[in-house]
Amino acid sequence: MICPVCQSDNLPGSDECENCGADLRSLDLPSPATPFEARLLEERLTELEPRRPIAVAPTDPATRAIAVMQEHRVGCVVVEDGGRLVGILTERDALLKLAGRPLEGIAVRDVMTPDPVVLRVDDTIAVAIHKMAVGGFRHIPLVRDGRVTAIVSARDLTHHLVELLG
């Protein structure tokens, strides 16, 4: 894929030019075959009205993060250090990394997924579906100006798709 800004050759499907950092996400979008596909390619993630994130610190005990998830009835918390996203802790992380272990002394940083994949609030629903399917994610933080503003979940996407089809 050729960058329209600097003419560098990039791998097909790259989000940004490796040479100059230009946004390449819109260069290889597929053409929609149906009105339904067109909506997925046009609608932005803000249409889902995603939840505001709940944050914990990497130094917090893992038990506290789990209690926060239970209290707020959410499947993940973002992990922030000084307001900067450093990880995400999901139900899956807790189950796979904590099961059968004594929880005393385990910090969030020990079991979180560091540097999670993120989406921009102006990304399309199709982009979110693709990132989740390829990465096997159920939750992806949405960022604006380097700050996490919301969490989009597979449940959010499923409910929206059901509404579109219904």
C-alpha atoms as a PDB file:
ATOM      1  CA  MET A   1       0.000   0.000   0.000  1.00  0.00           C
ATOM      2  CA  ILE A   2       1.536   3.305  -1.100  1.00  0.00           C
ATOM      3  CA  CYS A   3       1.350   6.233   1.326  1.00  0.00           C
ATOM      4  CA  PRO A   4      -0.323   9.232  -0.349  1.00  0.00           C
ATOM      5  CA  VAL A   5       1.819  11.622   1.733  1.00  0.00           C
ATOM      6  CA  CYS A   6       5.385  10.310   1.318  1.00  0.00           C
ATOM      7  CA  GLN A   7       4.921   7.612  -1.354  1.00  0.00           C
ATOM      8  CA  SER A   8       6.495   4.918   0.859  1.00  0.00           C
ATOM      9  CA  ASP A   9       5.426   1.329   0.318  1.00  0.00           C
ATOM     10  CA  ASN A  10       3.668  -0.180   3.371  1.00  0.00           C
ATOM     11  CA  LEU A  11       2.232  -3.579   4.160  1.00  0.00           C
ATOM     12  CA  PRO A  12      -1.387  -3.992   3.013  1.00  0.00           C
ATOM     13  CA  GLY A  13      -3.789  -3.265   5.868  1.00  0.00           C
ATOM     14  CA  SER A  14      -1.370  -1.003   7.774  1.00  0.00           C
ATOM     15  CA  ASP A  15      -3.107   1.621   9.900  1.00  0.00           C
ATOM     16  CA  GLU A  16      -0.341   4.171   9.483  1.00  0.00           C
ATOM     17  CA  CYS A  17       2.677   4.744   7.275  1.00  0.00           C
ATOM     18  CA  GLU A  18       5.838   3.304   8.788  1.00  0.00           C
ATOM     19  CA  ASN A  19       7.861   6.121   7.240  1.00  0.00           C
ATOM     20  CA  CYS A  20       5.865   9.271   8.019  1.00  0.00           C
ATOM     21  CA  GLY A  21       3.042   8.134  10.313  1.00  0.00           C
ATOM     22  CA  ALA A  22       0.245   9.231   7.964  1.00  0.00           C
ATOM     23  CA  ASP A  23      -3.182   7.647   8.522  1.00  0.00           C
ATOM     24  CA  LEU A  24      -3.690   4.832   5.992  1.00  0.00           C
ATOM     25  CA  ARG A  25      -6.876   3.347   7.480  1.00  0.00           C
ATOM     26  CA  SER A  26      -9.174   4.684   4.775  1.00  0.00           C
ATOM     27  CA  LEU A  27      -7.071   3.590   1.783  1.00  0.00           C
ATOM     28  CA  ASP A  28      -8.099  -0.046   1.509  1.00  0.00           C
ATOM     29  CA  LEU A  29     -11.684  -0.029   2.720  1.00  0.00           C
ATOM     30  CA  PRO A  30     -13.860  -2.604   0.992  1.00  0.00           C
ATOM     31  CA  SER A  31     -16.858  -1.545  -1.028  1.00  0.00           C
ATOM     32  CA  PRO A  32     -20.097  -2.466   0.718  1.00  0.00           C
ATOM     33  CA  ALA A  33     -22.209  -5.025  -1.091  1.00  0.00           C
ATOM     34  CA  THR A  34     -25.394  -4.329   0.892  1.00  0.00           C
ATOM     35  CA  PRO A  35     -26.967  -1.409   2.760  1.00  0.00           C
ATOM     36  CA  PHE A  36     -26.229  -3.284   6.006  1.00  0.00           C
ATOM     37  CA  GLU A  37     -22.509  -3.455   5.172  1.00  0.00           C
ATOM     38  CA  ALA A  38     -22.570   0.230   4.231  1.00  0.00           C
ATOM     39  CA  ARG A  39     -23.912   1.129   7.672  1.00  0.00           C
ATOM     40  CA  LEU A  40     -21.164  -0.859   9.380  1.00  0.00           C
ATOM     41  CA  LEU A  41     -18.564   0.994   7.334  1.00  0.00           C
ATOM     42  CA  GLU A  42     -20.132   4.403   7.999  1.00  0.00           C
ATOM     43  CA  GLU A  43     -21.398   4.332  11.589  1.00  0.00           C
ATOM     44  CA  ARG A  44     -18.963   5.494  14.251  1.00  0.00           C
ATOM     45  CA  LEU A  45     -18.403   3.840  17.602  1.00  0.00           C
ATOM     46  CA  THR A  46     -19.977   6.817  19.364  1.00  0.00           C
ATOM     47  CA  GLU A  47     -23.330   5.523  18.047  1.00  0.00           C
ATOM     48  CA  LEU A  48     -22.997   2.573  20.435  1.00  0.00           C
ATOM     49  CA  GLU A  49     -22.968   4.901  23.453  1.00  0.00           C
ATOM     50  CA  PRO A  50     -20.156   2.859  25.025  1.00  0.00           C
ATOM     51  CA  ARG A  51     -19.585   2.830  28.789  1.00  0.00           C
ATOM     52  CA  ARG A  52     -17.195   5.181  30.494  1.00  0.00           C
ATOM     53  CA  PRO A  53     -14.091   3.340  31.645  1.00  0.00           C
ATOM     54  CA  ILE A  54     -13.393   2.367  35.213  1.00  0.00           C
ATOM     55  CA  ALA A  55      -9.724   2.706  36.034  1.00  0.00           C
ATOM     56  CA  VAL A  56      -7.400   1.092  38.534  1.00  0.00           C
ATOM     57  CA  ALA A  57      -3.689   1.575  39.125  1.00  0.00           C
ATOM     58  CA  PRO A  58      -1.053  -1.027  38.235  1.00  0.00           C
ATOM     59  CA  THR A  59      -0.002  -1.105  41.893  1.00  0.00           C
ATOM     60  CA  ASP A  60      -3.523  -1.846  43.167  1.00  0.00           C
ATOM     61  CA  PRO A  61      -4.095  -5.363  44.494  1.00  0.00           C
ATOM     62  CA  ALA A  62      -5.660  -7.654  41.908  1.00  0.00           C
ATOM     63  CA  THR A  63      -8.386  -8.450  44.436  1.00  0.00           C
ATOM     64  CA  ARG A  64      -9.381  -4.771  44.491  1.00  0.00           C
ATOM     65  CA  ALA A  65      -9.662  -4.672  40.699  1.00  0.00           C
ATOM     66  CA  ILE A  66     -11.857  -7.779  40.717  1.00  0.00           C
ATOM     67  CA  ALA A  67     -14.045  -6.254  43.432  1.00  0.00           C
ATOM     68  CA  VAL A  68     -14.393  -3.071  41.353  1.00  0.00           C
ATOM     69  CA  MET A  69     -15.446  -5.109  38.306  1.00  0.00           C
ATOM     70  CA  GLN A  70     -18.028  -6.961  40.405  1.00  0.00           C
ATOM     71  CA  GLU A  71     -19.326  -3.750  42.010  1.00  0.00           C
ATOM     72  CA  HIS A  72     -19.774  -1.999  38.669  1.00  0.00           C
ATOM     73  CA  ARG A  73     -20.901  -5.151  36.845  1.00  0.00           C
ATOM     74  CA  VAL A  74     -18.301  -4.766  34.086  1.00  0.00           C
ATOM     75  CA  GLY A  75     -16.057  -7.262  32.346  1.00  0.00           C
ATOM     76  CA  CYS A  76     -12.899  -5.178  32.491  1.00  0.00           C
ATOM     77  CA  VAL A  77     -11.104  -2.224  34.007  1.00  0.00           C
ATOM     78  CA  VAL A  78      -8.480  -0.061  32.346  1.00  0.00           C
ATOM     79  CA  VAL A  79      -5.150   0.243  34.086  1.00  0.00           C
ATOM     80  CA  GLU A  80      -3.808   3.779  34.184  1.00  0.00           C
ATOM     81  CA  ASP A  81      -0.594   5.195  35.562  1.00  0.00           C
ATOM     82  CA  GLY A  82      -0.649   8.966  35.869  1.00  0.00           C
ATOM     83  CA  GLY A  83      -3.676   9.159  33.578  1.00  0.00           C
ATOM     84  CA  ARG A  84      -1.887   7.167  30.846  1.00  0.00           C
ATOM     85  CA  LEU A  85      -3.257   3.813  29.683  1.00  0.00           C
ATOM     86  CA  VAL A  86      -0.773   1.065  30.519  1.00  0.00           C
ATOM     87  CA  GLY A  87      -2.996  -2.010  30.436  1.00  0.00           C
ATOM     88  CA  ILE A  88      -6.380  -3.635  30.713  1.00  0.00           C
ATOM     89  CA  LEU A  89      -7.560  -6.259  33.172  1.00  0.00           C
ATOM     90  CA  THR A  90     -10.420  -8.440  31.969  1.00  0.00           C
ATOM     91  CA  GLU A  91     -12.448 -11.257  33.436  1.00  0.00           C
ATOM     92  CA  ARG A  92     -10.513 -13.583  31.154  1.00  0.00           C
ATOM     93  CA  ASP A  93      -7.191 -12.309  32.539  1.00  0.00           C
ATOM     94  CA  ALA A  94      -8.427 -12.941  36.081  1.00  0.00           C
ATOM     95  CA  LEU A  95      -9.631 -16.458  35.294  1.00  0.00           C
ATOM     96  CA  LEU A  96      -6.575 -17.553  33.351  1.00  0.00           C
ATOM     97  CA  LYS A  97      -3.896 -15.879  35.446  1.00  0.00           C
ATOM     98  CA  LEU A  98      -5.298 -16.080  38.980  1.00  0.00           C
ATOM     99  CA  ALA A  99      -7.158 -19.392  39.171  1.00  0.00           C
ATOM    100  CA  GLY A 100      -5.684 -21.646  41.812  1.00  0.00           C
ATOM    101  CA  ARG A 101      -3.141 -19.084  43.011  1.00  0.00           C
ATOM    102  CA  PRO A 102      -3.077 -17.425  46.408  1.00  0.00           C
ATOM    103  CA  LEU A 103      -4.155 -13.847  45.727  1.00  0.00           C
ATOM    104  CA  GLU A 104      -2.213 -12.212  48.539  1.00  0.00           C
ATOM    105  CA  GLY A 105       0.472  -9.873  47.198  1.00  0.00           C
ATOM    106  CA  ILE A 106      -0.569 -10.025  43.534  1.00  0.00           C
ATOM    107  CA  ALA A 107      -0.773  -6.570  41.954  1.00  0.00           C
ATOM    108  CA  VAL A 108      -2.826  -5.607  38.915  1.00  0.00           C
ATOM    109  CA  ARG A 109       0.390  -5.159  36.899  1.00  0.00           C
ATOM    110  CA  ASP A 110       1.158  -8.853  37.458  1.00  0.00           C
ATOM    111  CA  VAL A 111      -1.999 -10.064  35.693  1.00  0.00           C
ATOM    112  CA  MET A 112      -3.102  -7.253  33.352  1.00  0.00           C
ATOM    113  CA  THR A 113      -2.680  -7.274  29.595  1.00  0.00           C
ATOM    114  CA  PRO A 114      -0.108  -4.526  28.961  1.00  0.00           C
ATOM    115  CA  ASP A 115      -0.374  -2.024  26.103  1.00  0.00           C
ATOM    116  CA  PRO A 116      -3.816  -3.117  24.908  1.00  0.00           C
ATOM    117  CA  VAL A 117      -5.097  -2.603  21.395  1.00  0.00           C
ATOM    118  CA  VAL A 118      -7.140   0.601  21.299  1.00  0.00           C
ATOM    119  CA  LEU A 119      -9.580   2.221  18.926  1.00  0.00           C
ATOM    120  CA  ARG A 120     -10.326   5.879  18.293  1.00  0.00           C
ATOM    121  CA  VAL A 121     -13.768   7.197  19.128  1.00  0.00           C
ATOM    122  CA  ASP A 122     -14.266   8.113  15.467  1.00  0.00           C
ATOM    123  CA  ASP A 123     -13.443   4.600  14.185  1.00  0.00           C
ATOM    124  CA  THR A 124     -16.265   2.719  12.499  1.00  0.00           C
ATOM    125  CA  ILE A 125     -18.214  -0.220  13.813  1.00  0.00           C
ATOM    126  CA  ALA A 126     -16.683  -2.350  11.046  1.00  0.00           C
ATOM    127  CA  VAL A 127     -13.179  -1.536  12.319  1.00  0.00           C
ATOM    128  CA  ALA A 128     -14.158  -2.559  15.868  1.00  0.00           C
ATOM    129  CA  ILE A 129     -15.677  -5.840  14.689  1.00  0.00           C
ATOM    130  CA  HIS A 130     -12.541  -6.572  12.681  1.00  0.00           C
ATOM    131  CA  LYS A 131     -10.122  -5.760  15.541  1.00  0.00           C
ATOM    132  CA  MET A 132     -12.123  -7.863  17.990  1.00  0.00           C
ATOM    133  CA  ALA A 133     -12.415 -10.829  15.632  1.00  0.00           C
ATOM    134  CA  VAL A 134      -8.758 -10.821  14.602  1.00  0.00           C
ATOM    135  CA  GLY A 135      -7.418 -10.230  18.105  1.00  0.00           C
ATOM    136  CA  GLY A 136      -9.939 -12.361  19.984  1.00  0.00           C
ATOM    137  CA  PHE A 137     -10.863  -9.411  22.210  1.00  0.00           C
ATOM    138  CA  ARG A 138     -14.149  -8.814  24.004  1.00  0.00           C
ATOM    139  CA  HIS A 139     -13.265  -5.308  25.227  1.00  0.00           C
ATOM    140  CA  ILE A 140     -11.322  -2.517  23.547  1.00  0.00           C
ATOM    141  CA  PRO A 141     -10.605   0.910  25.061  1.00  0.00           C
ATOM    142  CA  LEU A 142     -11.548   3.958  22.997  1.00  0.00           C
ATOM    143  CA  VAL A 143      -9.089   6.832  23.112  1.00  0.00           C
ATOM    144  CA  ARG A 144      -9.214  10.510  22.257  1.00  0.00           C
ATOM    145  CA  ASP A 145      -6.151  12.716  22.568  1.00  0.00           C
ATOM    146  CA  GLY A 146      -4.272   9.905  24.297  1.00  0.00           C
ATOM    147  CA  ARG A 147      -6.895   9.436  27.031  1.00  0.00           C
ATOM    148  CA  VAL A 148      -9.293   6.515  27.454  1.00  0.00           C
ATOM    149  CA  THR A 149     -12.826   7.874  27.091  1.00  0.00           C
ATOM    150  CA  ALA A 150     -14.875   4.679  26.847  1.00  0.00           C
ATOM    151  CA  ILE A 151     -14.829   0.901  26.517  1.00  0.00           C
ATOM    152  CA  VAL A 152     -16.523  -0.852  23.612  1.00  0.00           C
ATOM    153  CA  SER A 153     -17.480  -4.447  24.250  1.00  0.00           C
ATOM    154  CA  ALA A 154     -18.506  -7.366  22.100  1.00  0.00           C
ATOM    155  CA  ARG A 155     -21.873  -7.120  23.857  1.00  0.00           C
ATOM    156  CA  ASP A 156     -22.237  -3.479  22.709  1.00  0.00           C
ATOM    157  CA  LEU A 157     -21.549  -4.525  19.136  1.00  0.00           C
ATOM    158  CA  THR A 158     -23.874  -7.524  19.288  1.00  0.00           C
ATOM    159  CA  HIS A 159     -26.776  -5.448  20.632  1.00  0.00           C
ATOM    160  CA  HIS A 160     -26.228  -2.854  17.928  1.00  0.00           C
ATOM    161  CA  LEU A 161     -26.113  -5.475  15.168  1.00  0.00           C
ATOM    162  CA  VAL A 162     -29.334  -7.034  16.454  1.00  0.00           C
ATOM    163  CA  GLU A 163     -30.996  -3.608  16.339  1.00  0.00           C
ATOM    164  CA  LEU A 164     -29.792  -3.046  12.781  1.00  0.00           C
ATOM    165  CA  LEU A 165     -31.055  -6.431  11.627  1.00  0.00           C
ATOM    166  CA  GLY A 166     -34.313  -6.285  13.595  1.00  0.00           C
END
